[in-house]
Protein backbone atom coordinates (compact mmCIF):
# COMPACT_ATOMS: atom_id res chain seq x y z
CA MET A 1 41.03 -44.76 44.26
CA SER A 2 43.03 -45.72 41.01
CA GLU A 3 41.96 -44.38 37.76
CA LEU A 4 40.35 -47.50 36.11
CA ALA A 5 37.92 -47.46 39.36
CA LEU A 6 36.51 -44.39 38.60
CA ARG A 7 36.33 -44.39 34.93
CA PRO A 8 32.63 -46.92 35.51
CA MET A 9 31.55 -43.68 38.29
CA ARG A 10 32.22 -40.83 35.51
CA ARG A 11 30.44 -42.64 33.06
CA ARG A 12 27.45 -43.35 35.13
CA ALA A 13 27.82 -39.50 36.25
CA ARG A 14 27.55 -38.64 32.39
CA LEU A 15 24.49 -41.09 32.06
CA ILE A 16 22.54 -39.14 35.04
CA PRO A 17 21.08 -35.95 33.46
CA ASN A 18 20.87 -32.46 35.90
CA GLY A 19 17.71 -30.90 36.14
CA TRP A 20 18.92 -28.51 33.09
CA ALA A 21 19.11 -31.19 30.73
CA VAL A 22 15.54 -33.02 32.06
CA PHE A 23 13.78 -29.25 31.53
CA ALA A 24 15.81 -28.77 28.29
CA PHE A 25 14.51 -32.41 26.92
CA GLY A 26 10.49 -31.29 27.72
CA VAL A 27 11.16 -27.45 26.17
CA ALA A 28 12.33 -29.95 22.58
CA PHE A 29 9.56 -32.15 23.08
CA PHE A 30 6.91 -29.47 23.30
CA ALA A 31 8.50 -27.70 20.42
CA VAL A 32 8.98 -30.58 18.35
CA LEU A 33 5.35 -32.45 19.32
CA PRO A 34 3.50 -30.28 16.83
CA ILE A 35 5.42 -31.83 13.79
CA VAL A 36 5.27 -35.28 15.08
CA VAL A 37 1.29 -34.62 15.21
CA ILE A 38 1.60 -33.56 12.18
CA LEU A 39 3.26 -36.85 10.50
CA THR A 40 1.40 -38.98 12.17
CA THR A 41 -1.77 -37.20 11.28
CA ALA A 42 -1.52 -37.12 8.04
CA MET A 43 -0.42 -40.96 7.67
CA GLU A 44 -3.58 -41.71 9.16
CA ASP A 45 -6.51 -43.59 6.26
CA THR A 46 -8.53 -40.74 5.63
CA GLY A 47 -10.76 -42.95 3.09
CA SER A 48 -11.06 -40.61 -0.80
CA LEU A 49 -9.64 -37.35 1.30
CA TRP A 50 -6.03 -37.84 0.11
CA SER A 51 -6.81 -38.87 -3.08
CA HIS A 52 -9.10 -35.29 -3.99
CA VAL A 53 -6.57 -33.18 -2.41
CA VAL A 54 -3.47 -34.87 -4.29
CA ALA A 55 -5.60 -34.58 -8.01
CA GLY A 56 -7.64 -31.58 -7.26
CA ILE A 57 -5.69 -29.66 -4.56
CA LEU A 58 -1.46 -29.88 -4.73
CA PRO A 59 -0.43 -29.87 -8.06
CA GLN A 60 -2.16 -26.45 -8.57
CA ALA A 61 -0.76 -25.17 -4.85
CA THR A 62 2.35 -26.15 -5.61
CA ARG A 63 2.89 -24.82 -9.01
CA THR A 64 2.16 -21.39 -7.94
CA THR A 65 4.16 -21.72 -4.22
CA LEU A 66 7.20 -22.73 -7.39
CA THR A 67 7.24 -20.08 -9.31
CA LEU A 68 6.30 -17.27 -6.41
CA LEU A 69 8.98 -18.93 -4.23
CA LEU A 70 11.29 -19.00 -8.02
CA GLY A 71 10.30 -15.15 -8.57
CA THR A 72 11.10 -14.06 -4.79
CA ALA A 73 14.51 -16.18 -4.79
CA ILE A 74 16.13 -13.71 -7.71
CA LEU A 75 14.41 -10.13 -6.51
CA VAL A 76 15.48 -10.39 -3.39
CA THR A 77 18.90 -11.52 -3.85
CA VAL A 78 19.46 -8.72 -6.72
CA ILE A 79 17.95 -6.00 -4.40
CA GLY A 80 19.87 -7.15 -1.22
CA THR A 81 22.83 -8.02 -3.17
CA GLY A 82 23.17 -5.09 -5.20
CA CYS A 83 22.55 -2.92 -2.06
CA ALA A 84 25.23 -4.29 -0.08
CA TRP A 85 28.12 -3.62 -2.46
CA LEU A 86 26.65 -0.69 -3.53
CA VAL A 87 27.25 0.78 -0.31
CA THR A 88 30.15 -1.56 0.86
CA ALA A 89 32.13 -0.67 -1.95
CA TYR A 90 31.08 3.15 -3.01
CA ARG A 91 31.10 6.38 -1.17
CA PHE A 92 28.68 9.28 -1.57
CA ARG A 93 26.35 11.80 0.06
CA GLY A 94 23.42 9.79 2.08
CA ARG A 95 25.42 6.62 1.97
CA ALA A 96 25.26 6.28 5.87
CA PHE A 97 21.40 6.66 5.53
CA LEU A 98 21.70 4.27 3.48
CA GLU A 99 22.96 2.07 5.54
CA TRP A 100 20.14 1.58 7.92
CA GLY A 101 17.59 2.86 6.10
CA LEU A 102 17.88 -0.25 3.30
CA LEU A 103 16.94 -2.82 6.49
CA LEU A 104 13.57 -0.75 6.98
CA PRO A 105 10.87 -2.57 4.76
CA LEU A 106 11.04 -5.29 7.53
CA ALA A 107 9.25 -3.12 10.03
CA VAL A 108 6.58 -3.78 6.91
CA PRO A 109 4.79 -7.44 7.48
CA THR A 110 4.25 -8.46 4.26
CA TYR A 111 0.06 -8.43 4.06
CA ILE A 112 0.08 -4.92 5.37
CA MET A 113 1.90 -4.33 1.87
CA ALA A 114 -0.78 -5.47 0.00
CA TYR A 115 -3.04 -4.35 2.13
CA ALA A 116 -1.22 -0.91 1.38
CA TYR A 117 -0.50 -1.31 -2.05
CA MET A 118 -4.33 -3.03 -3.13
CA ASP A 119 -5.77 0.33 -2.01
CA VAL A 120 -3.12 2.58 -3.45
CA LEU A 121 -3.02 0.94 -7.39
CA SER A 122 -6.32 -0.10 -7.23
CA PRO A 123 -8.00 1.04 -10.59
CA LEU A 124 -9.95 4.13 -8.50
CA GLY A 125 -6.92 4.71 -6.56
CA PHE A 126 -4.67 8.15 -6.16
CA ILE A 127 -2.21 6.75 -8.81
CA GLN A 128 -3.87 5.70 -11.25
CA GLY A 129 -6.09 8.58 -10.77
CA VAL A 130 -2.90 10.86 -11.91
CA ILE A 131 -2.26 8.69 -14.60
CA ARG A 132 -5.33 9.07 -16.22
CA ASP A 133 -5.93 12.68 -15.35
CA LEU A 134 -2.02 13.58 -17.02
CA LEU A 135 -3.22 11.32 -20.38
CA GLY A 136 -6.69 12.92 -20.48
CA TYR A 137 -8.77 9.50 -19.74
CA SER A 138 -11.98 10.50 -17.54
CA SER A 139 -12.59 6.74 -16.38
CA PRO A 140 -10.43 3.33 -15.55
CA ARG A 141 -12.61 1.67 -18.69
CA GLU A 142 -10.63 4.13 -20.90
CA PHE A 143 -7.20 3.71 -19.41
CA ARG A 144 -6.00 1.68 -16.40
CA LEU A 145 -2.95 -0.48 -14.61
CA PRO A 146 -2.53 -4.63 -14.78
CA ASP A 147 -4.02 -5.51 -12.17
CA ILE A 148 -1.39 -6.10 -8.91
CA ARG A 149 -3.69 -8.74 -7.70
CA ALA A 150 -1.96 -11.25 -9.78
CA MET A 151 1.74 -13.47 -9.74
CA TRP A 152 3.62 -10.32 -10.70
CA GLY A 153 2.36 -8.49 -8.27
CA ALA A 154 2.68 -10.77 -5.50
CA ILE A 155 6.40 -11.44 -6.34
CA THR A 156 7.20 -7.74 -7.01
CA LEU A 157 5.56 -7.05 -3.50
CA PHE A 158 7.69 -10.10 -1.31
CA GLY A 159 10.71 -8.79 -3.04
CA PHE A 160 10.46 -5.64 -1.98
CA VAL A 161 9.75 -6.36 2.21
CA LEU A 162 11.96 -9.43 1.94
CA TYR A 163 15.22 -8.37 0.49
CA PRO A 164 16.72 -7.21 3.77
CA TYR A 165 17.77 -10.55 4.66
CA VAL A 166 19.79 -10.83 1.93
CA TYR A 167 21.24 -6.95 2.50
CA LEU A 168 22.16 -7.81 5.92
CA THR A 169 23.95 -10.69 5.85
CA THR A 170 25.60 -9.68 2.14
CA ARG A 171 26.49 -6.72 3.95
CA MET A 172 28.30 -7.64 6.54
CA MET A 173 30.10 -10.06 4.94
CA PHE A 174 31.64 -8.10 2.24
CA LEU A 175 32.31 -5.73 5.57
CA THR A 176 34.64 -8.62 6.59
CA GLN A 177 36.28 -10.02 3.33
CA ALA A 178 39.71 -8.57 4.31
CA ALA A 179 41.09 -5.54 1.87
CA ASN A 180 44.07 -7.28 0.60
CA LEU A 181 42.00 -10.06 -1.47
CA VAL A 182 40.36 -7.03 -3.26
CA GLU A 183 43.38 -5.28 -3.28
CA ALA A 184 45.76 -8.57 -4.70
CA SER A 185 42.60 -8.63 -7.56
CA ARG A 186 43.40 -5.23 -8.49
CA THR A 187 47.04 -5.49 -8.97
CA LEU A 188 46.45 -8.39 -11.27
CA GLY A 189 44.65 -6.16 -13.68
CA THR A 190 41.08 -6.99 -12.43
CA SER A 191 38.50 -3.65 -13.23
CA ARG A 192 36.42 -3.15 -9.85
CA SER A 193 33.22 -4.34 -11.55
CA ALA A 194 35.30 -7.55 -12.04
CA VAL A 195 36.47 -7.86 -8.33
CA PHE A 196 32.20 -7.50 -7.65
CA TRP A 197 32.22 -10.25 -10.00
CA ARG A 198 34.85 -12.86 -9.42
CA VAL A 199 36.32 -11.69 -5.71
CA ALA A 200 33.12 -10.84 -3.80
CA LEU A 201 30.25 -12.12 -4.90
CA PRO A 202 32.04 -16.24 -4.69
CA LEU A 203 33.27 -15.16 -1.00
CA ALA A 204 29.69 -14.15 -0.03
CA ARG A 205 27.41 -17.03 -1.35
CA PRO A 206 27.40 -18.50 2.15
CA ALA A 207 25.80 -15.13 3.73
CA ILE A 208 23.45 -14.87 0.19
CA ALA A 209 22.30 -18.21 0.37
CA ILE A 210 21.65 -17.59 4.04
CA GLY A 211 19.53 -14.81 3.44
CA VAL A 212 17.17 -16.20 0.36
CA SER A 213 16.55 -19.19 2.51
CA LEU A 214 15.03 -16.74 5.44
CA ALA A 215 13.08 -14.89 2.64
CA LEU A 216 11.68 -17.94 1.61
CA MET A 217 11.15 -19.10 4.83
CA GLU A 218 8.62 -16.12 5.13
CA THR A 219 7.34 -16.34 1.93
CA LEU A 220 6.15 -19.72 2.97
CA ASN A 221 4.46 -18.78 6.32
CA ASP A 222 2.63 -16.28 4.04
CA ILE A 223 -1.07 -16.13 3.93
CA GLY A 224 -2.35 -12.78 4.09
CA ALA A 225 -0.72 -11.38 1.49
CA SER A 226 -1.11 -14.59 -0.71
CA GLN A 227 -4.88 -14.25 -0.18
CA PHE A 228 -5.43 -10.62 -0.37
CA LEU A 229 -3.21 -10.61 -4.12
CA GLY A 230 -5.31 -13.55 -5.13
CA VAL A 231 -2.12 -16.39 -5.42
CA ARG A 232 -3.59 -19.77 -4.17
CA THR A 233 0.02 -20.47 -2.61
CA LEU A 234 0.22 -24.02 0.07
CA THR A 235 -0.61 -22.34 2.99
CA ALA A 236 -3.64 -20.52 1.67
CA SER A 237 -4.50 -23.82 0.47
CA VAL A 238 -4.36 -25.18 3.97
CA TYR A 239 -6.20 -21.86 5.59
CA THR A 240 -9.01 -22.69 2.76
CA THR A 241 -9.50 -26.66 3.72
CA TRP A 242 -9.16 -26.07 6.81
CA ILE A 243 -11.34 -23.23 7.78
CA VAL A 244 -13.87 -22.95 4.74
CA ARG A 245 -14.15 -26.46 4.10
CA ASN A 246 -13.88 -27.98 7.16
CA ASP A 247 -11.29 -30.16 6.33
CA LEU A 248 -8.67 -30.57 9.43
CA ALA A 249 -7.85 -33.65 7.96
CA GLY A 250 -6.90 -32.52 4.09
CA ALA A 251 -5.70 -29.81 5.97
CA THR A 252 -3.41 -31.73 7.81
CA GLN A 253 -1.81 -33.47 4.92
CA ILE A 254 -1.24 -30.23 2.59
CA ALA A 255 0.47 -29.56 5.73
CA SER A 256 2.43 -32.74 5.93
CA ALA A 257 3.94 -31.98 2.43
CA MET A 258 4.92 -27.80 2.89
CA LEU A 259 6.65 -29.52 5.77
CA ILE A 260 8.35 -31.44 2.73
CA PHE A 261 9.33 -27.76 1.24
CA VAL A 262 10.66 -26.32 4.22
CA VAL A 263 12.93 -29.21 4.50
CA VAL A 264 13.94 -29.28 0.85
CA LEU A 265 14.92 -25.15 1.49
CA ILE A 266 17.14 -26.12 4.56
CA TRP A 267 18.83 -28.73 2.54
CA LEU A 268 18.86 -26.63 -0.17
CA GLU A 269 20.71 -24.13 1.86
CA ARG A 270 23.11 -26.40 2.73
CA PHE A 271 24.19 -27.90 -0.26
CA ALA A 272 24.76 -24.38 -1.96
CA ARG A 273 27.37 -23.71 0.63
CA ARG A 274 28.45 -27.18 1.06
CA ARG A 275 32.06 -26.78 -0.22
CA GLN A 276 32.57 -23.31 0.95
CA ARG A 277 35.39 -22.74 3.22
CA TYR A 278 36.18 -18.95 4.47
CA ALA A 279 38.60 -17.93 6.53
CA THR A 280 40.21 -14.37 7.89
CA ASN A 281 42.37 -12.96 10.41
CA ALA A 282 39.28 -10.43 12.26
CA GLN A 283 42.20 -8.84 13.64
CA ARG A 284 44.46 -7.95 11.90
CA SER A 285 42.65 -7.49 8.12
CA ARG A 286 40.91 -3.95 6.44
CA ALA A 287 37.53 -3.13 5.52
CA MET A 288 37.85 -2.54 1.91
CA ALA A 289 38.38 1.10 0.84
CA ALA A 290 35.38 2.45 -1.06
CA ARG A 291 35.63 4.21 -3.79
CA PRO A 292 34.22 7.96 -3.72
CA LEU A 293 31.41 9.11 -5.95
CA THR A 294 30.30 12.71 -6.42
CA GLY A 295 28.26 15.18 -8.82
CA VAL A 296 25.53 12.52 -10.67
CA LYS A 297 27.08 9.26 -10.00
CA GLY A 298 26.71 10.06 -6.52
CA ALA A 299 23.33 11.26 -6.71
CA LEU A 300 22.33 8.44 -9.08
CA ALA A 301 24.15 5.60 -6.97
CA PHE A 302 21.60 7.41 -4.11
CA THR A 303 18.71 6.90 -5.99
CA ILE A 304 19.16 3.39 -6.50
CA GLY A 305 19.93 2.69 -3.10
CA PHE A 306 16.89 4.55 -1.90
CA LEU A 307 14.44 3.49 -4.35
CA PRO A 308 13.64 -0.05 -2.61
CA ILE A 309 13.11 2.24 0.98
CA PHE A 310 10.70 4.07 -1.07
CA ILE A 311 8.50 1.17 -2.80
CA GLY A 312 9.56 -1.61 0.80
CA PHE A 313 8.60 0.95 3.49
CA VAL A 314 7.97 5.10 2.36
CA GLY A 315 4.95 4.19 -0.05
CA PRO A 316 2.97 2.05 2.55
CA ALA A 317 4.08 3.84 5.64
CA SER A 318 2.78 6.55 3.94
CA TYR A 319 -0.45 5.53 3.14
CA LEU A 320 -0.74 4.17 6.39
CA LEU A 321 -0.25 7.67 7.90
CA THR A 322 -2.54 9.39 5.71
CA ALA A 323 -5.55 6.81 5.93
CA ALA A 324 -4.91 6.89 9.93
CA ILE A 325 -5.25 10.42 10.43
CA ARG A 326 -8.79 10.53 7.89
CA ARG A 327 -9.92 7.89 9.37
CA ILE A 328 -9.96 9.72 13.20
CA GLU A 329 -10.99 12.56 12.08
CA PHE A 330 -13.93 11.27 10.44
CA ALA A 331 -14.87 8.49 13.38
CA GLY A 332 -12.12 9.36 16.28
CA ILE A 333 -10.27 6.21 17.69
CA SER A 334 -12.65 2.63 17.04
CA PRO A 335 -13.08 1.01 20.57
CA HIS A 336 -12.43 -2.56 18.35
CA ILE A 337 -8.51 -0.92 17.87
CA VAL A 338 -7.59 -0.43 21.60
CA GLN A 339 -8.87 -4.17 22.42
CA ALA A 340 -7.01 -5.10 19.75
CA THR A 341 -3.95 -3.44 21.23
CA ILE A 342 -4.84 -4.58 24.38
CA ASN A 343 -4.70 -8.50 23.20
CA THR A 344 -1.89 -8.24 20.80
CA VAL A 345 0.16 -7.07 23.91
CA ALA A 346 -0.88 -9.22 26.50
CA VAL A 347 -0.34 -12.37 24.15
CA SER A 348 2.62 -11.35 23.23
CA ALA A 349 4.00 -10.58 26.43
CA ALA A 350 3.16 -13.98 27.92
CA ALA A 351 4.40 -15.64 24.84
CA THR A 352 7.92 -13.29 25.07
CA VAL A 353 8.30 -14.41 28.99
CA PHE A 354 7.84 -18.47 27.74
CA VAL A 355 9.93 -18.19 24.63
CA LEU A 356 13.14 -16.44 26.82
CA VAL A 357 12.51 -18.49 29.80
CA ALA A 358 12.81 -21.58 27.56
CA GLY A 359 15.30 -20.38 24.94
CA PHE A 360 17.58 -19.61 27.86
CA VAL A 361 16.52 -23.01 29.58
CA VAL A 362 17.74 -24.91 26.22
CA ALA A 363 21.18 -23.06 25.17
CA TYR A 364 22.46 -23.24 28.90
CA ALA A 365 21.97 -26.80 29.55
CA SER A 366 24.18 -26.54 26.03
CA ARG A 367 26.87 -24.18 28.40
CA ILE A 368 26.91 -26.44 31.55
CA ARG A 369 26.83 -29.62 29.76
CA SER A 370 28.08 -29.50 26.73
CA GLY A 371 27.49 -33.27 24.03
CA PRO A 372 25.58 -34.80 21.73
CA TRP A 373 21.96 -34.69 23.75
CA SER A 374 22.55 -31.03 25.32
CA GLY A 375 23.58 -29.78 21.53
CA SER A 376 20.29 -31.76 19.43
CA PHE A 377 17.30 -30.45 22.53
CA LEU A 378 18.60 -27.25 21.09
CA ARG A 379 18.52 -27.74 17.78
CA LEU A 380 15.18 -29.63 18.20
CA SER A 381 14.02 -26.24 19.58
CA THR A 382 14.93 -24.20 16.97
CA LEU A 383 12.57 -26.18 14.34
CA GLY A 384 9.25 -24.49 15.06
CA TYR A 385 10.72 -21.54 13.77
CA ALA A 386 11.42 -23.35 10.25
CA VAL A 387 7.66 -24.30 9.55
CA PRO A 388 4.69 -22.00 8.54
CA GLY A 389 2.30 -20.77 11.10
CA THR A 390 -0.50 -22.28 9.12
CA VAL A 391 1.60 -25.99 9.41
CA LEU A 392 2.18 -25.20 13.17
CA ALA A 393 -0.72 -24.53 14.34
CA ILE A 394 -2.59 -27.64 12.70
CA GLY A 395 0.23 -29.06 15.04
CA VAL A 396 -0.72 -27.44 18.05
CA LEU A 397 -4.60 -27.77 17.94
CA ILE A 398 -4.53 -31.47 17.20
CA PRO A 399 -2.91 -32.16 20.99
CA VAL A 400 -4.92 -29.19 22.74
CA ALA A 401 -8.32 -30.06 21.79
CA ALA A 402 -7.40 -33.70 22.82
CA LEU A 403 -6.47 -31.88 26.19
CA ASP A 404 -9.18 -30.19 26.25
CA ARG A 405 -11.17 -32.17 25.77
CA PHE A 406 -9.84 -35.14 27.85
CA ILE A 407 -9.86 -32.48 31.32
CA ASP A 408 -13.60 -31.69 29.72
CA ARG A 409 -14.53 -34.96 30.29
CA SER A 410 -12.76 -35.97 33.29
CA ALA A 411 -14.72 -32.78 34.96
CA SER A 412 -17.89 -34.02 33.93
CA ASP A 413 -17.92 -37.64 35.61
CA TRP A 414 -15.92 -36.65 38.39
CA PHE A 415 -17.12 -33.29 39.81
CA GLY A 416 -20.56 -32.70 37.40
CA LEU A 417 -18.49 -29.18 35.75
CA SER A 418 -18.58 -29.01 32.10
CA THR A 419 -15.11 -26.60 31.82
CA GLY A 420 -15.09 -26.51 27.93
CA LEU A 421 -12.35 -25.12 25.89
CA LEU A 422 -9.69 -24.45 28.97
CA PHE A 423 -6.63 -24.15 26.38
CA MET A 424 -8.13 -23.62 23.83
CA GLY A 425 -10.97 -20.35 25.14
CA SER A 426 -8.26 -19.08 27.08
CA GLY A 427 -5.61 -18.12 24.20
CA CYS A 428 -2.73 -20.45 26.11
CA ALA A 429 -2.67 -22.57 22.54
CA LEU A 430 -2.10 -19.68 20.63
CA VAL A 431 1.13 -18.64 23.74
CA TYR A 432 2.38 -22.65 22.45
CA ALA A 433 2.80 -21.81 19.29
CA TYR A 434 4.81 -18.36 19.32
CA THR A 435 6.83 -20.69 21.95
CA ALA A 436 7.42 -23.36 19.46
CA ARG A 437 7.72 -20.69 16.33
CA PHE A 438 9.88 -18.21 17.67
CA LEU A 439 12.13 -20.56 20.36
CA ALA A 440 14.69 -20.08 17.95
CA ILE A 441 14.92 -16.42 17.96
CA SER A 442 15.64 -16.87 21.55
CA SER A 443 18.01 -20.07 22.05
CA GLY A 444 19.61 -18.26 19.21
CA GLY A 445 20.58 -15.28 20.16
CA ILE A 446 21.17 -16.23 24.14
CA GLU A 447 23.48 -19.06 22.87
CA ALA A 448 25.25 -16.40 21.43
CA GLY A 449 25.09 -14.23 24.34
CA LEU A 450 26.22 -17.08 26.73
CA SER A 451 29.40 -17.88 23.91
CA ARG A 452 31.39 -15.50 24.32
CA ILE A 453 31.23 -15.23 28.24
CA PRO A 454 34.04 -17.46 29.17
CA THR A 455 34.31 -20.43 30.55
CA SER A 456 36.97 -19.78 32.91
CA TYR A 457 33.81 -17.62 34.75
CA ASP A 458 32.78 -21.27 35.19
CA HIS A 459 35.09 -22.43 36.45
CA ALA A 460 35.47 -19.72 38.89
CA ALA A 461 31.99 -19.77 40.49
CA ARG A 462 32.71 -23.07 41.01
CA THR A 463 35.82 -22.98 42.68
CA LEU A 464 33.91 -20.66 44.92
CA GLY A 465 31.25 -23.17 45.57
CA TYR A 466 27.89 -22.17 43.79
CA THR A 467 26.21 -24.88 41.52
CA SER A 468 24.99 -24.47 37.57
CA THR A 469 22.13 -22.15 39.05
CA GLY A 470 23.68 -19.99 41.34
CA SER A 471 25.97 -19.33 38.58
CA LEU A 472 23.24 -18.59 36.70
CA LEU A 473 21.70 -15.72 38.82
CA ARG A 474 25.43 -14.14 39.92
CA VAL A 475 26.77 -14.28 36.76
CA HIS A 476 25.48 -15.32 33.20
CA LEU A 477 22.11 -13.75 33.30
CA PRO A 478 24.09 -10.85 34.82
CA LEU A 479 26.48 -10.71 31.82
CA SER A 480 23.49 -11.52 29.18
CA ARG A 481 21.41 -8.76 29.61
CA THR A 482 21.75 -7.42 26.48
CA ALA A 483 21.75 -10.73 24.28
CA LEU A 484 18.33 -10.96 26.52
CA THR A 485 16.64 -7.77 25.55
CA ALA A 486 17.12 -8.22 22.28
CA ALA A 487 15.78 -11.83 21.79
CA GLY A 488 13.08 -10.62 23.78
CA LEU A 489 12.41 -7.68 21.66
CA LEU A 490 13.25 -9.68 18.44
CA VAL A 491 10.32 -12.02 20.00
CA PHE A 492 7.38 -9.48 21.19
CA VAL A 493 7.42 -7.82 17.69
CA ASP A 494 7.60 -11.51 15.84
CA CYS A 495 4.51 -12.40 17.99
CA MET A 496 2.69 -8.92 17.20
CA LYS A 497 2.93 -9.84 13.24
CA GLU A 498 2.05 -12.83 13.16
CA LEU A 499 -1.06 -13.46 10.94
CA PRO A 500 -1.49 -17.27 10.31
CA ALA A 501 -0.99 -18.70 13.28
CA THR A 502 -3.15 -16.44 15.31
CA LEU A 503 -5.89 -16.65 12.68
CA LEU A 504 -6.20 -19.82 12.68
CA LEU A 505 -5.71 -20.71 16.51
CA ARG A 506 -7.42 -17.32 18.51
CA PRO A 507 -10.28 -18.10 21.05
CA LEU A 508 -14.44 -16.73 19.98
CA ASN A 509 -14.14 -13.06 19.97
CA PHE A 510 -10.91 -12.35 20.15
CA GLU A 511 -9.02 -10.66 17.62
CA SER A 512 -5.11 -9.29 17.59
CA LEU A 513 -3.91 -6.09 15.60
CA ALA A 514 -2.87 -8.46 12.85
CA THR A 515 -6.44 -10.55 12.54
CA LEU A 516 -8.05 -7.10 12.53
CA LEU A 517 -6.33 -5.80 9.61
CA TYR A 518 -7.00 -8.59 7.95
CA GLY A 519 -10.93 -9.10 8.45
CA GLU A 520 -10.92 -5.57 7.38
CA ALA A 521 -8.89 -5.48 4.17
CA ALA A 522 -10.86 -8.76 3.16
CA ARG A 523 -14.02 -6.47 3.66
CA GLY A 524 -12.47 -4.02 2.00
CA THR A 525 -13.34 -1.57 4.20
CA TYR A 526 -8.97 -0.46 4.15
CA GLU A 527 -10.09 2.89 6.11
CA ASP A 528 -10.65 0.92 9.06
CA ALA A 529 -7.82 -0.97 9.30
CA ALA A 530 -5.49 1.41 8.61
CA LEU A 531 -4.36 2.59 12.37
CA ALA A 532 -4.10 -1.04 13.02
CA ALA A 533 -1.34 -1.52 10.72
CA LEU A 534 0.20 1.86 11.09
CA VAL A 535 0.30 0.74 14.70
CA ILE A 536 2.13 -2.70 14.09
CA VAL A 537 4.44 -0.92 11.02
CA ALA A 538 5.22 1.74 14.16
CA ILE A 539 6.35 -0.63 16.38
CA GLY A 540 7.78 -3.48 13.99
CA MET A 541 10.28 -0.62 13.78
CA LEU A 542 11.71 -1.54 16.95
CA PRO A 543 14.61 -4.33 15.77
CA VAL A 544 14.90 -2.32 12.72
CA THR A 545 17.03 0.04 15.11
CA LEU A 546 17.90 -2.94 16.82
CA LEU A 547 20.06 -3.99 13.86
CA ALA A 548 20.94 -0.92 12.99
CA ARG A 549 23.25 -0.48 15.68
CA VAL A 550 24.60 -4.10 14.67
CA GLY A 551 28.68 -3.45 14.06
CA THR A 552 28.49 0.35 15.19
CA SER A 553 28.40 -0.05 18.83
CA SER A 554 27.85 -2.90 22.22
CA SER A 555 26.88 -2.31 25.25
CA GLU A 556 29.24 -5.58 26.41
CA PRO A 557 31.60 -4.15 28.64
CA ALA A 558 35.19 -4.13 26.75
CA ALA A 559 37.13 -5.60 29.55
CA LEU A 560 34.41 -8.72 29.05
CA ARG A 561 35.29 -8.73 25.03
CA ASP A 562 38.72 -9.22 25.39
CA ARG A 563 38.42 -11.75 28.17
CA ALA A 564 36.43 -13.39 26.40
CA GLN A 565 38.47 -13.46 23.38
CA ASP A 566 41.47 -14.18 25.02
CA ASP A 567 39.63 -17.49 26.66
CA ARG A 568 38.65 -18.79 22.98
CA SER A 569 42.41 -17.93 22.11
CA GLY A 570 44.31 -19.46 24.99
CA GLY A 571 46.06 -15.82 25.68
CA PRO A 572 46.33 -14.70 29.23
CA VAL A 573 43.43 -15.64 31.09
CA SER A 574 44.68 -16.83 34.38
CA GLU A 575 41.71 -18.96 36.85
CA ALA A 576 43.01 -16.68 39.32
CA ASP A 577 41.82 -13.32 37.31
CA SER A 578 38.84 -14.66 36.53
CA GLU A 579 38.53 -16.10 39.72
CA ALA A 580 39.26 -12.83 41.06
CA LEU A 581 36.25 -11.10 38.58
CA VAL A 582 33.82 -13.41 39.21
CA THR A 583 34.49 -12.48 43.45
CA ARG A 584 33.48 -9.49 42.82
CA MET A 585 30.29 -9.91 40.74
CA VAL A 586 28.81 -12.38 43.50
CA ARG A 587 29.50 -10.43 45.91
């Protein structure tokens, strides 16, 4: 058959989707459905509700949110970038501990941080009591510190919890900057401090922008800390409008305004690095030589680096441990804590399975049939992570509640039975929200893991007669165990810590550790929630430990890394070598 006759057949083959592409489309559809529902619902005519939202809620909530985002952005940039440069450019006693210890605040959710410091820094708390004793005062009426329930308190707490996002990305950029760039600037007479401002910092701007955008999205997603600290952000306004005022339409319209914030944050992150181009030969570059600090300078450097760890992790963790021990000694372990732990683990585990399966589907579909459609499915599946949990909860509630009503009405008409809230009452809606929100973690991590597997392995498996599904089971899954494990761990912990979506979509009489903590703190019974908070922090340590190992060790086989590098660079990996290795794997 001639080449001209084959071309129409090839075009038709590309237009016919395979099974993986169909599944990837389904995943992308369900991931983006809540966002579409929010936008379409917000555009419906609600009479005078929208005018009330615009006049009475949006202006104040928008100003408060912008102030909180701006203050948090400045603080996380200063702390994260400064600590990253400190542990990269200088060598002193204790630096090895600071390198991974500066990630510890990631284990403390923002609402737990606010919960702990509200009790510790209250007028009747331990710190103010010690200060009054030292100054000779006898009661809070005579002396009291400024109330932490204010904007400055929220900015401070958010900054010391979320700076690791900037620290992690910026430190990796500093580590990959070639030493010859720094040495060249030093030969031109540039001081070490000027090297930071004129060389290292400009090159790290893309990494800083990424870290700041992640921190701001976490700030926008928060509801517990904002409520505890009396800061009425857009997220808190959505919750109040929906739950307290029973106005779902108004909450939907505020949620649509929050989507604009998300789009602006993403655009700002892209805009900040639109002209940034940085390339280096990772195989030949040398790490920057760290300047040794000894004596007083070394001690001062360690103290500066340890301060964010103390404020963001050691302080709240010590308080939680002490309060939990006191509570256990006084009343034992409450059965509500046990039940909340079981509920949290069960729902988080179920959501993790769905997230991993869905993430692998879109990532693998993008690998085996690269193109604009599969790439679009992969990008659409990641949109949920940029959407705050309260917004996503509304987008999930409306279609799931409509489906529950349809099933209940159909069952009543056909069988005379009432199914009730089949999906809302069973927790399926909550699992759906978790899946849509954290799918980006799974698909991104799995895609990165699959990208390290040479494409020659796919070709070798095909020559042995294996389909794409057979290659997945025999080749890609075994080589992706590390990526799957890491993604599953991160998703599970994020599901356990998620408060906004859980608070709004949980079934009746269902408490997770996060919602139990929120309820006890809202009632002012801090001791009862200390154990729940301590469990969340302890489990949150798992991904921090994983992140601390990044760059220091790898469980990936060295032969696979070498072959992947050779395959990407057009090196010596041959089809015969790949076929021999794949043959051993599949047999």
